[in-house]
Amino acid sequence: NRVMRWCQGAKEGMIVVDGNGEGQQANQFGDPVGLSFDRQGNL
């Protein structure tokens, strides 16, 4: 229940969204699936 970012060649990633366990709050997910960016870089 998080979104990770991995730089090219990195041995580990970083949490960019969530990481607060499963839930319904704005800083939580319940099974994140698809990802997309818009032209302004919003995820």
PDB file of all heavy atoms in Angstrom:
ATOM      1  N   ASN A   1       0.819  -1.220   0.000  1.00  0.00           N
ATOM      2  CA  ASN A   1       0.000   0.000   0.000  1.00  0.00           C
ATOM      3  C   ASN A   1       0.852   1.269   0.000  1.00  0.00           C
ATOM      4  O   ASN A   1       0.706   2.155   0.850  1.00  0.00           O
ATOM      5  CB  ASN A   1      -0.959  -0.011   1.196  1.00  0.00           C
ATOM      6  CG  ASN A   1      -2.072  -1.015   1.019  1.00  0.00           C
ATOM      7  OD1 ASN A   1      -2.917  -0.873   0.137  1.00  0.00           O
ATOM      8  ND2 ASN A   1      -2.054  -2.063   1.831  1.00  0.00           N
ATOM      9  N   ARG A   2       1.734   1.344  -1.005  1.00  0.00           N
ATOM     10  CA  ARG A   2       2.605   2.506  -1.143  1.00  0.00           C
ATOM     11  C   ARG A   2       3.045   2.635  -2.590  1.00  0.00           C
ATOM     12  O   ARG A   2       2.920   1.687  -3.375  1.00  0.00           O
ATOM     13  CB  ARG A   2       3.827   2.387  -0.225  1.00  0.00           C
ATOM     14  CG  ARG A   2       4.747   1.215  -0.583  1.00  0.00           C
ATOM     15  CD  ARG A   2       5.825   0.974   0.465  1.00  0.00           C
ATOM     16  NE  ARG A   2       6.734  -0.100   0.047  1.00  0.00           N
ATOM     17  CZ  ARG A   2       7.742  -0.570   0.778  1.00  0.00           C
ATOM     18  NH1 ARG A   2       7.954  -0.064   1.994  1.00  0.00           N
ATOM     19  NH2 ARG A   2       8.538  -1.531   0.315  1.00  0.00           N
ATOM     20  N   VAL A   3       3.564   3.813  -2.943  1.00  0.00           N
ATOM     21  CA  VAL A   3       4.191   4.023  -4.245  1.00  0.00           C
ATOM     22  C   VAL A   3       5.667   4.285  -4.000  1.00  0.00           C
ATOM     23  O   VAL A   3       6.034   5.156  -3.200  1.00  0.00           O
ATOM     24  CB  VAL A   3       3.547   5.193  -5.011  1.00  0.00           C
ATOM     25  CG1 VAL A   3       4.296   5.455  -6.311  1.00  0.00           C
ATOM     26  CG2 VAL A   3       2.079   4.906  -5.305  1.00  0.00           C
ATOM     27  N   MET A   4       6.503   3.533  -4.693  1.00  0.00           N
ATOM     28  CA  MET A   4       7.954   3.631  -4.536  1.00  0.00           C
ATOM     29  C   MET A   4       8.574   4.293  -5.762  1.00  0.00           C
ATOM     30  O   MET A   4       8.057   4.190  -6.872  1.00  0.00           O
ATOM     31  CB  MET A   4       8.566   2.236  -4.383  1.00  0.00           C
ATOM     32  CG  MET A   4       8.045   1.436  -3.217  1.00  0.00           C
ATOM     33  SD  MET A   4       8.759   1.988  -1.668  1.00  0.00           S
ATOM     34  CE  MET A   4      10.466   1.420  -1.856  1.00  0.00           C
ATOM     35  N   ARG A   5       9.715   4.973  -5.546  1.00  0.00           N
ATOM     36  CA  ARG A   5      10.504   5.521  -6.649  1.00  0.00           C
ATOM     37  C   ARG A   5      11.906   4.943  -6.571  1.00  0.00           C
ATOM     38  O   ARG A   5      12.543   4.966  -5.530  1.00  0.00           O
ATOM     39  CB  ARG A   5      10.561   7.044  -6.575  1.00  0.00           C
ATOM     40  CG  ARG A   5      11.425   7.660  -7.694  1.00  0.00           C
ATOM     41  CD  ARG A   5      11.271   9.172  -7.733  1.00  0.00           C
ATOM     42  NE  ARG A   5      11.766   9.794  -6.514  1.00  0.00           N
ATOM     43  CZ  ARG A   5      11.301  10.954  -6.026  1.00  0.00           C
ATOM     44  NH1 ARG A   5      10.323  11.602  -6.646  1.00  0.00           N
ATOM     45  NH2 ARG A   5      11.793  11.457  -4.917  1.00  0.00           N
ATOM     46  N   TRP A   6      12.349   4.426  -7.720  1.00  0.00           N
ATOM     47  CA  TRP A   6      13.684   3.835  -7.808  1.00  0.00           C
ATOM     48  C   TRP A   6      14.463   4.590  -8.883  1.00  0.00           C
ATOM     49  O   TRP A   6      14.033   4.667 -10.042  1.00  0.00           O
ATOM     50  CB  TRP A   6      13.603   2.359  -8.190  1.00  0.00           C
ATOM     51  CG  TRP A   6      12.931   1.507  -7.152  1.00  0.00           C
ATOM     52  CD1 TRP A   6      11.627   1.566  -6.777  1.00  0.00           C
ATOM     53  CD2 TRP A   6      13.528   0.486  -6.361  1.00  0.00           C
ATOM     54  NE1 TRP A   6      11.376   0.630  -5.803  1.00  0.00           N
ATOM     55  CE2 TRP A   6      12.511  -0.046  -5.522  1.00  0.00           C
ATOM     56  CE3 TRP A   6      14.822  -0.045  -6.284  1.00  0.00           C
ATOM     57  CZ2 TRP A   6      12.755  -1.078  -4.621  1.00  0.00           C
ATOM     58  CZ3 TRP A   6      15.063  -1.073  -5.385  1.00  0.00           C
ATOM     59  CH2 TRP A   6      14.054  -1.575  -4.565  1.00  0.00           C
ATOM     60  N   CYS A   7      15.603   5.159  -8.518  1.00  0.00           N
ATOM     61  CA  CYS A   7      16.487   5.773  -9.511  1.00  0.00           C
ATOM     62  C   CYS A   7      17.214   4.663 -10.272  1.00  0.00           C
ATOM     63  O   CYS A   7      17.416   3.560  -9.747  1.00  0.00           O
ATOM     64  CB  CYS A   7      17.495   6.694  -8.835  1.00  0.00           C
ATOM     65  SG  CYS A   7      16.741   8.103  -7.998  1.00  0.00           S
ATOM     66  N   GLN A   8      17.606   4.967 -11.498  1.00  0.00           N
ATOM     67  CA  GLN A   8      18.314   3.975 -12.301  1.00  0.00           C
ATOM     68  C   GLN A   8      19.583   3.534 -11.583  1.00  0.00           C
ATOM     69  O   GLN A   8      20.388   4.344 -11.144  1.00  0.00           O
ATOM     70  CB  GLN A   8      18.679   4.564 -13.666  1.00  0.00           C
ATOM     71  CG  GLN A   8      17.476   4.890 -14.544  1.00  0.00           C
ATOM     72  CD  GLN A   8      16.906   3.674 -15.259  1.00  0.00           C
ATOM     73  OE1 GLN A   8      17.383   2.564 -15.079  1.00  0.00           O
ATOM     74  NE2 GLN A   8      15.884   3.884 -16.074  1.00  0.00           N
ATOM     75  N   GLY A   9      19.748   2.215 -11.426  1.00  0.00           N
ATOM     76  CA  GLY A   9      20.946   1.661 -10.805  1.00  0.00           C
ATOM     77  C   GLY A   9      20.911   1.623  -9.296  1.00  0.00           C
ATOM     78  O   GLY A   9      21.852   1.125  -8.667  1.00  0.00           O
ATOM     79  N   ALA A  10      19.850   2.132  -8.669  1.00  0.00           N
ATOM     80  CA  ALA A  10      19.774   2.170  -7.211  1.00  0.00           C
ATOM     81  C   ALA A  10      19.558   0.775  -6.636  1.00  0.00           C
ATOM     82  O   ALA A  10      18.889  -0.065  -7.241  1.00  0.00           O
ATOM     83  CB  ALA A  10      18.653   3.098  -6.763  1.00  0.00           C
ATOM     84  N   LYS A  11      20.117   0.526  -5.459  1.00  0.00           N
ATOM     85  CA  LYS A  11      19.944  -0.751  -4.773  1.00  0.00           C
ATOM     86  C   LYS A  11      18.678  -0.779  -3.935  1.00  0.00           C
ATOM     87  O   LYS A  11      18.231  -1.850  -3.528  1.00  0.00           O
ATOM     88  CB  LYS A  11      21.166  -1.039  -3.897  1.00  0.00           C
ATOM     89  CG  LYS A  11      22.477  -1.155  -4.668  1.00  0.00           C
ATOM     90  CD  LYS A  11      22.422  -2.289  -5.693  1.00  0.00           C
ATOM     91  CE  LYS A  11      23.755  -2.429  -6.427  1.00  0.00           C
ATOM     92  NZ  LYS A  11      23.696  -3.490  -7.469  1.00  0.00           N
ATOM     93  N   GLU A  12      18.134   0.394  -3.642  1.00  0.00           N
ATOM     94  CA  GLU A  12      16.881   0.454  -2.908  1.00  0.00           C
ATOM     95  C   GLU A  12      16.082   1.655  -3.376  1.00  0.00           C
ATOM     96  O   GLU A  12      16.618   2.600  -3.962  1.00  0.00           O
ATOM     97  CB  GLU A  12      17.115   0.520  -1.398  1.00  0.00           C
ATOM     98  CG  GLU A  12      17.850   1.746  -0.932  1.00  0.00           C
ATOM     99  CD  GLU A  12      18.049   1.752   0.582  1.00  0.00           C
ATOM    100  OE1 GLU A  12      18.270   0.664   1.164  1.00  0.00           O
ATOM    101  OE2 GLU A  12      17.988   2.848   1.177  1.00  0.00           O
ATOM    102  N   GLY A  13      14.789   1.613  -3.123  1.00  0.00           N
ATOM    103  CA  GLY A  13      13.919   2.701  -3.531  1.00  0.00           C
ATOM    104  C   GLY A  13      13.593   3.606  -2.364  1.00  0.00           C
ATOM    105  O   GLY A  13      14.107   3.436  -1.254  1.00  0.00           O
ATOM    106  N   MET A  14      12.727   4.569  -2.631  1.00  0.00           N
ATOM    107  CA  MET A  14      12.238   5.432  -1.564  1.00  0.00           C
ATOM    108  C   MET A  14      10.719   5.518  -1.683  1.00  0.00           C
ATOM    109  O   MET A  14      10.153   5.411  -2.769  1.00  0.00           O
ATOM    110  CB  MET A  14      12.860   6.825  -1.649  1.00  0.00           C
ATOM    111  CG  MET A  14      12.498   7.625  -2.879  1.00  0.00           C
ATOM    112  SD  MET A  14      13.197   9.293  -2.861  1.00  0.00           S
ATOM    113  CE  MET A  14      12.306  10.018  -1.483  1.00  0.00           C
ATOM    114  N   ILE A  15      10.075   5.682  -0.539  1.00  0.00           N
ATOM    115  CA  ILE A  15       8.625   5.817  -0.522  1.00  0.00           C
ATOM    116  C   ILE A  15       8.276   7.250  -0.889  1.00  0.00           C
ATOM    117  O   ILE A  15       8.727   8.191  -0.227  1.00  0.00           O
ATOM    118  CB  ILE A  15       8.045   5.468   0.862  1.00  0.00           C
ATOM    119  CG1 ILE A  15       8.410   4.030   1.232  1.00  0.00           C
ATOM    120  CG2 ILE A  15       6.529   5.657   0.863  1.00  0.00           C
ATOM    121  CD1 ILE A  15       8.077   3.674   2.672  1.00  0.00           C
ATOM    122  N   VAL A  16       7.509   7.440  -1.942  1.00  0.00           N
ATOM    123  CA  VAL A  16       7.129   8.794  -2.356  1.00  0.00           C
ATOM    124  C   VAL A  16       5.684   9.108  -2.009  1.00  0.00           C
ATOM    125  O   VAL A  16       5.313  10.278  -1.898  1.00  0.00           O
ATOM    126  CB  VAL A  16       7.369   9.017  -3.866  1.00  0.00           C
ATOM    127  CG1 VAL A  16       8.844   9.013  -4.175  1.00  0.00           C
ATOM    128  CG2 VAL A  16       6.643   7.993  -4.711  1.00  0.00           C
ATOM    129  N   VAL A  17       4.864   8.096  -1.852  1.00  0.00           N
ATOM    130  CA  VAL A  17       3.467   8.308  -1.462  1.00  0.00           C
ATOM    131  C   VAL A  17       3.071   7.203  -0.493  1.00  0.00           C
ATOM    132  O   VAL A  17       3.303   6.022  -0.758  1.00  0.00           O
ATOM    133  CB  VAL A  17       2.516   8.285  -2.675  1.00  0.00           C
ATOM    134  CG1 VAL A  17       1.088   8.523  -2.216  1.00  0.00           C
ATOM    135  CG2 VAL A  17       2.910   9.322  -3.711  1.00  0.00           C
ATOM    136  N   ASP A  18       2.471   7.600   0.621  1.00  0.00           N
ATOM    137  CA  ASP A  18       1.890   6.690   1.596  1.00  0.00           C
ATOM    138  C   ASP A  18       2.967   6.046   2.466  1.00  0.00           C
ATOM    139  O   ASP A  18       3.856   6.723   2.935  1.00  0.00           O
ATOM    140  CB  ASP A  18       1.011   5.659   0.913  1.00  0.00           C
ATOM    141  CG  ASP A  18       0.025   5.018   1.882  1.00  0.00           C
ATOM    142  OD1 ASP A  18       0.248   5.110   3.098  1.00  0.00           O
ATOM    143  OD2 ASP A  18      -0.961   4.436   1.424  1.00  0.00           O
ATOM    144  N   GLY A  19       2.886   4.720   2.618  1.00  0.00           N
ATOM    145  CA  GLY A  19       3.724   4.061   3.605  1.00  0.00           C
ATOM    146  C   GLY A  19       3.113   4.115   4.984  1.00  0.00           C
ATOM    147  O   GLY A  19       3.783   3.839   5.990  1.00  0.00           O
ATOM    148  N   ASN A  20       1.832   4.476   5.068  1.00  0.00           N
ATOM    149  CA  ASN A  20       1.143   4.598   6.355  1.00  0.00           C
ATOM    150  C   ASN A  20       0.153   3.467   6.601  1.00  0.00           C
ATOM    151  O   ASN A  20      -0.780   3.614   7.382  1.00  0.00           O
ATOM    152  CB  ASN A  20       0.412   5.947   6.412  1.00  0.00           C
ATOM    153  CG  ASN A  20       1.365   7.119   6.312  1.00  0.00           C
ATOM    154  OD1 ASN A  20       2.234   7.287   7.153  1.00  0.00           O
ATOM    155  ND2 ASN A  20       1.224   7.912   5.257  1.00  0.00           N
ATOM    156  N   GLY A  21       0.364   2.365   5.919  1.00  0.00           N
ATOM    157  CA  GLY A  21      -0.513   1.228   6.104  1.00  0.00           C
ATOM    158  C   GLY A  21      -1.815   1.362   5.334  1.00  0.00           C
ATOM    159  O   GLY A  21      -2.156   2.426   4.831  1.00  0.00           O
ATOM    160  N   GLU A  22      -2.545   0.266   5.248  1.00  0.00           N
ATOM    161  CA  GLU A  22      -3.815   0.279   4.522  1.00  0.00           C
ATOM    162  C   GLU A  22      -4.847   1.122   5.250  1.00  0.00           C
ATOM    163  O   GLU A  22      -4.955   1.083   6.477  1.00  0.00           O
ATOM    164  CB  GLU A  22      -4.336  -1.146   4.358  1.00  0.00           C
ATOM    165  CG  GLU A  22      -5.641  -1.231   3.581  1.00  0.00           C
ATOM    166  CD  GLU A  22      -6.125  -2.661   3.404  1.00  0.00           C
ATOM    167  OE1 GLU A  22      -5.321  -3.594   3.602  1.00  0.00           O
ATOM    168  OE2 GLU A  22      -7.309  -2.836   3.061  1.00  0.00           O
ATOM    169  N   GLY A  23      -5.605   1.907   4.493  1.00  0.00           N
ATOM    170  CA  GLY A  23      -6.641   2.724   5.099  1.00  0.00           C
ATOM    171  C   GLY A  23      -7.320   3.614   4.095  1.00  0.00           C
ATOM    172  O   GLY A  23      -7.015   3.569   2.890  1.00  0.00           O
ATOM    173  N   GLN A  24      -8.221   4.447   4.580  1.00  0.00           N
ATOM    174  CA  GLN A  24      -9.025   5.311   3.717  1.00  0.00           C
ATOM    175  C   GLN A  24      -8.668   6.779   3.846  1.00  0.00           C
ATOM    176  O   GLN A  24      -9.309   7.619   3.208  1.00  0.00           O
ATOM    177  CB  GLN A  24     -10.515   5.116   4.047  1.00  0.00           C
ATOM    178  CG  GLN A  24     -11.005   3.696   3.823  1.00  0.00           C
ATOM    179  CD  GLN A  24     -12.456   3.509   4.217  1.00  0.00           C
ATOM    180  OE1 GLN A  24     -13.088   4.405   4.783  1.00  0.00           O
ATOM    181  NE2 GLN A  24     -13.009   2.341   3.913  1.00  0.00           N
ATOM    182  N   GLN A  25      -7.658   7.108   4.655  1.00  0.00           N
ATOM    183  CA  GLN A  25      -7.271   8.505   4.809  1.00  0.00           C
ATOM    184  C   GLN A  25      -6.552   8.998   3.560  1.00  0.00           C
ATOM    185  O   GLN A  25      -6.148   8.208   2.691  1.00  0.00           O
ATOM    186  CB  GLN A  25      -6.375   8.674   6.043  1.00  0.00           C
ATOM    187  CG  GLN A  25      -7.010   8.200   7.334  1.00  0.00           C
ATOM    188  CD  GLN A  25      -8.309   8.903   7.636  1.00  0.00           C
ATOM    189  OE1 GLN A  25      -8.401  10.136   7.557  1.00  0.00           O
ATOM    190  NE2 GLN A  25      -9.344   8.133   7.974  1.00  0.00           N
ATOM    191  N   ALA A  26      -6.359  10.324   3.467  1.00  0.00           N
ATOM    192  CA  ALA A  26      -5.719  10.908   2.285  1.00  0.00           C
ATOM    193  C   ALA A  26      -4.267  10.462   2.139  1.00  0.00           C
ATOM    194  O   ALA A  26      -3.708  10.516   1.036  1.00  0.00           O
ATOM    195  CB  ALA A  26      -5.799  12.432   2.346  1.00  0.00           C
ATOM    196  N   ASN A  27      -3.642  10.044   3.238  1.00  0.00           N
ATOM    197  CA  ASN A  27      -2.250   9.589   3.177  1.00  0.00           C
ATOM    198  C   ASN A  27      -2.151   8.068   3.248  1.00  0.00           C
ATOM    199  O   ASN A  27      -1.130   7.518   3.627  1.00  0.00           O
ATOM    200  CB  ASN A  27      -1.438  10.218   4.302  1.00  0.00           C
ATOM    201  CG  ASN A  27      -1.901   9.771   5.685  1.00  0.00           C
ATOM    202  OD1 ASN A  27      -2.980   9.188   5.829  1.00  0.00           O
ATOM    203  ND2 ASN A  27      -1.097  10.040   6.696  1.00  0.00           N
ATOM    204  N   GLN A  28      -3.230   7.395   2.849  1.00  0.00           N
ATOM    205  CA  GLN A  28      -3.242   5.937   2.856  1.00  0.00           C
ATOM    206  C   GLN A  28      -3.827   5.394   1.548  1.00  0.00           C
ATOM    207  O   GLN A  28      -4.499   6.110   0.811  1.00  0.00           O
ATOM    208  CB  GLN A  28      -4.081   5.418   4.034  1.00  0.00           C
ATOM    209  CG  GLN A  28      -3.491   5.713   5.398  1.00  0.00           C
ATOM    210  CD  GLN A  28      -4.383   5.195   6.501  1.00  0.00           C
ATOM    211  OE1 GLN A  28      -5.573   5.496   6.555  1.00  0.00           O
ATOM    212  NE2 GLN A  28      -3.810   4.396   7.405  1.00  0.00           N
ATOM    213  N   PHE A  29      -3.545   4.104   1.297  1.00  0.00           N
ATOM    214  CA  PHE A  29      -4.098   3.407   0.148  1.00  0.00           C
ATOM    215  C   PHE A  29      -4.812   2.138   0.594  1.00  0.00           C
ATOM    216  O   PHE A  29      -4.571   1.621   1.684  1.00  0.00           O
ATOM    217  CB  PHE A  29      -3.000   2.992  -0.838  1.00  0.00           C
ATOM    218  CG  PHE A  29      -2.378   4.115  -1.613  1.00  0.00           C
ATOM    219  CD1 PHE A  29      -1.000   4.316  -1.581  1.00  0.00           C
ATOM    220  CD2 PHE A  29      -3.145   4.973  -2.374  1.00  0.00           C
ATOM    221  CE1 PHE A  29      -0.414   5.335  -2.297  1.00  0.00           C
ATOM    222  CE2 PHE A  29      -2.572   5.996  -3.092  1.00  0.00           C
ATOM    223  CZ  PHE A  29      -1.202   6.178  -3.054  1.00  0.00           C
ATOM    224  N   GLY A  30      -5.637   1.640  -0.298  1.00  0.00           N
ATOM    225  CA  GLY A  30      -6.175   0.296  -0.192  1.00  0.00           C
ATOM    226  C   GLY A  30      -5.952  -0.395  -1.526  1.00  0.00           C
ATOM    227  O   GLY A  30      -6.782  -0.327  -2.425  1.00  0.00           O
ATOM    228  N   ASP A  31      -4.787  -1.006  -1.678  1.00  0.00           N
ATOM    229  CA  ASP A  31      -4.402  -1.704  -2.917  1.00  0.00           C
ATOM    230  C   ASP A  31      -4.226  -0.744  -4.090  1.00  0.00           C
ATOM    231  O   ASP A  31      -5.068  -0.677  -5.005  1.00  0.00           O
ATOM    232  CB  ASP A  31      -5.423  -2.774  -3.287  1.00  0.00           C
ATOM    233  CG  ASP A  31      -5.528  -3.871  -2.240  1.00  0.00           C
ATOM    234  OD1 ASP A  31      -4.627  -3.956  -1.387  1.00  0.00           O
ATOM    235  OD2 ASP A  31      -6.503  -4.637  -2.280  1.00  0.00           O
ATOM    236  N   PRO A  32      -3.143   0.040  -4.124  1.00  0.00           N
ATOM    237  CA  PRO A  32      -2.881   0.887  -5.283  1.00  0.00           C
ATOM    238  C   PRO A  32      -2.553   0.051  -6.510  1.00  0.00           C
ATOM    239  O   PRO A  32      -1.852  -0.947  -6.417  1.00  0.00           O
ATOM    240  CB  PRO A  32      -1.667   1.717  -4.841  1.00  0.00           C
ATOM    241  CG  PRO A  32      -0.959   0.839  -3.853  1.00  0.00           C
ATOM    242  CD  PRO A  32      -2.055   0.097  -3.137  1.00  0.00           C
ATOM    243  N   VAL A  33      -3.087   0.475  -7.659  1.00  0.00           N
ATOM    244  CA  VAL A  33      -2.915  -0.335  -8.871  1.00  0.00           C
ATOM    245  C   VAL A  33      -2.253   0.487  -9.984  1.00  0.00           C
ATOM    246  O   VAL A  33      -1.056   0.403 -10.191  1.00  0.00           O
ATOM    247  CB  VAL A  33      -4.263  -0.919  -9.336  1.00  0.00           C
ATOM    248  CG1 VAL A  33      -4.061  -1.819 -10.542  1.00  0.00           C
ATOM    249  CG2 VAL A  33      -4.910  -1.729  -8.219  1.00  0.00           C
ATOM    250  N   GLY A  34      -3.031   1.282 -10.706  1.00  0.00           N
ATOM    251  CA  GLY A  34      -2.494   1.995 -11.868  1.00  0.00           C
ATOM    252  C   GLY A  34      -1.879   3.334 -11.510  1.00  0.00           C
ATOM    253  O   GLY A  34      -2.286   3.994 -10.556  1.00  0.00           O
ATOM    254  N   LEU A  35      -0.878   3.741 -12.298  1.00  0.00           N
ATOM    255  CA  LEU A  35      -0.195   5.016 -12.125  1.00  0.00           C
ATOM    256  C   LEU A  35      -0.216   5.798 -13.429  1.00  0.00           C
ATOM    257  O   LEU A  35      -0.136   5.216 -14.516  1.00  0.00           O
ATOM    258  CB  LEU A  35       1.267   4.813 -11.714  1.00  0.00           C
ATOM    259  CG  LEU A  35       1.564   4.004 -10.455  1.00  0.00           C
ATOM    260  CD1 LEU A  35       3.069   3.893 -10.262  1.00  0.00           C
ATOM    261  CD2 LEU A  35       0.917   4.636  -9.235  1.00  0.00           C
ATOM    262  N   SER A  36      -0.262   7.130 -13.311  1.00  0.00           N
ATOM    263  CA  SER A  36      -0.188   7.980 -14.493  1.00  0.00           C
ATOM    264  C   SER A  36       0.292   9.367 -14.085  1.00  0.00           C
ATOM    265  O   SER A  36       0.015   9.821 -12.975  1.00  0.00           O
ATOM    266  CB  SER A  36      -1.559   8.077 -15.172  1.00  0.00           C
ATOM    267  OG  SER A  36      -1.480   8.850 -16.350  1.00  0.00           O
ATOM    268  N   PHE A  37       1.019  10.043 -14.989  1.00  0.00           N
ATOM    269  CA  PHE A  37       1.418  11.429 -14.800  1.00  0.00           C
ATOM    270  C   PHE A  37       0.623  12.323 -15.743  1.00  0.00           C
ATOM    271  O   PHE A  37       0.268  11.920 -16.854  1.00  0.00           O
ATOM    272  CB  PHE A  37       2.904  11.626 -15.124  1.00  0.00           C
ATOM    273  CG  PHE A  37       3.840  11.161 -14.047  1.00  0.00           C
ATOM    274  CD1 PHE A  37       4.738  10.132 -14.285  1.00  0.00           C
ATOM    275  CD2 PHE A  37       3.848  11.766 -12.800  1.00  0.00           C
ATOM    276  CE1 PHE A  37       5.613   9.704 -13.304  1.00  0.00           C
ATOM    277  CE2 PHE A  37       4.716  11.353 -11.811  1.00  0.00           C
ATOM    278  CZ  PHE A  37       5.599  10.318 -12.062  1.00  0.00           C
ATOM    279  N   ASP A  38       0.369  13.573 -15.325  1.00  0.00           N
ATOM    280  CA  ASP A  38      -0.136  14.567 -16.267  1.00  0.00           C
ATOM    281  C   ASP A  38       1.026  15.447 -16.730  1.00  0.00           C
ATOM    282  O   ASP A  38       2.179  15.236 -16.348  1.00  0.00           O
ATOM    283  CB  ASP A  38      -1.289  15.386 -15.666  1.00  0.00           C
ATOM    284  CG  ASP A  38      -0.872  16.239 -14.471  1.00  0.00           C
ATOM    285  OD1 ASP A  38       0.338  16.475 -14.286  1.00  0.00           O
ATOM    286  OD2 ASP A  38      -1.768  16.691 -13.726  1.00  0.00           O
ATOM    287  N   ARG A  39       0.746  16.436 -17.551  1.00  0.00           N
ATOM    288  CA  ARG A  39       1.810  17.259 -18.139  1.00  0.00           C
ATOM    289  C   ARG A  39       2.514  18.128 -17.116  1.00  0.00           C
ATOM    290  O   ARG A  39       3.623  18.598 -17.338  1.00  0.00           O
ATOM    291  CB  ARG A  39       1.225  18.130 -19.258  1.00  0.00           C
ATOM    292  CG  ARG A  39       0.764  17.325 -20.464  1.00  0.00           C
ATOM    293  CD  ARG A  39       0.212  18.209 -21.560  1.00  0.00           C
ATOM    294  NE  ARG A  39      -0.212  17.435 -22.719  1.00  0.00           N
ATOM    295  CZ  ARG A  39      -0.751  17.967 -23.797  1.00  0.00           C
ATOM    296  NH1 ARG A  39      -0.958  19.280 -23.866  1.00  0.00           N
ATOM    297  NH2 ARG A  39      -1.109  17.194 -24.813  1.00  0.00           N
ATOM    298  N   GLN A  40       1.860  18.368 -15.982  1.00  0.00           N
ATOM    299  CA  GLN A  40       2.457  19.173 -14.922  1.00  0.00           C
ATOM    300  C   GLN A  40       3.266  18.324 -13.940  1.00  0.00           C
ATOM    301  O   GLN A  40       3.850  18.854 -12.989  1.00  0.00           O
ATOM    302  CB  GLN A  40       1.366  19.933 -14.153  1.00  0.00           C
ATOM    303  CG  GLN A  40       0.768  21.114 -14.900  1.00  0.00           C
ATOM    304  CD  GLN A  40      -0.141  20.664 -16.038  1.00  0.00           C
ATOM    305  OE1 GLN A  40      -0.957  19.757 -15.865  1.00  0.00           O
ATOM    306  NE2 GLN A  40       0.000  21.285 -17.201  1.00  0.00           N
ATOM    307  N   GLY A  41       3.311  17.019 -14.173  1.00  0.00           N
ATOM    308  CA  GLY A  41       4.088  16.147 -13.307  1.00  0.00           C
ATOM    309  C   GLY A  41       3.343  15.639 -12.092  1.00  0.00           C
ATOM    310  O   GLY A  41       3.932  15.022 -11.200  1.00  0.00           O
ATOM    311  N   ASN A  42       2.033  15.890 -12.024  1.00  0.00           N
ATOM    312  CA  ASN A  42       1.237  15.340 -10.932  1.00  0.00           C
ATOM    313  C   ASN A  42       1.038  13.836 -11.145  1.00  0.00           C
ATOM    314  O   ASN A  42       0.851  13.382 -12.267  1.00  0.00           O
ATOM    315  CB  ASN A  42      -0.122  16.032 -10.861  1.00  0.00           C
ATOM    316  CG  ASN A  42      -0.012  17.509 -10.551  1.00  0.00           C
ATOM    317  OD1 ASN A  42       0.577  17.900  -9.551  1.00  0.00           O
ATOM    318  ND2 ASN A  42      -0.559  18.342 -11.428  1.00  0.00           N
ATOM    319  N   LEU A  43       1.087  13.114 -10.042  1.00  0.00           N
ATOM    320  CA  LEU A  43       0.945  11.664 -10.090  1.00  0.00           C
ATOM    321  C   LEU A  43      -0.480  11.276  -9.709  1.00  0.00           C
ATOM    322  O   LEU A  43      -1.007  11.742  -8.697  1.00  0.00           O
ATOM    323  CB  LEU A  43       1.927  11.001  -9.122  1.00  0.00           C
ATOM    324  CG  LEU A  43       1.859   9.476  -9.015  1.00  0.00           C
ATOM    325  CD1 LEU A  43       2.308   8.816 -10.315  1.00  0.00           C
ATOM    326  CD2 LEU A  43       2.710   8.988  -7.844  1.00  0.00           C
TER     327      LEU A  43
END
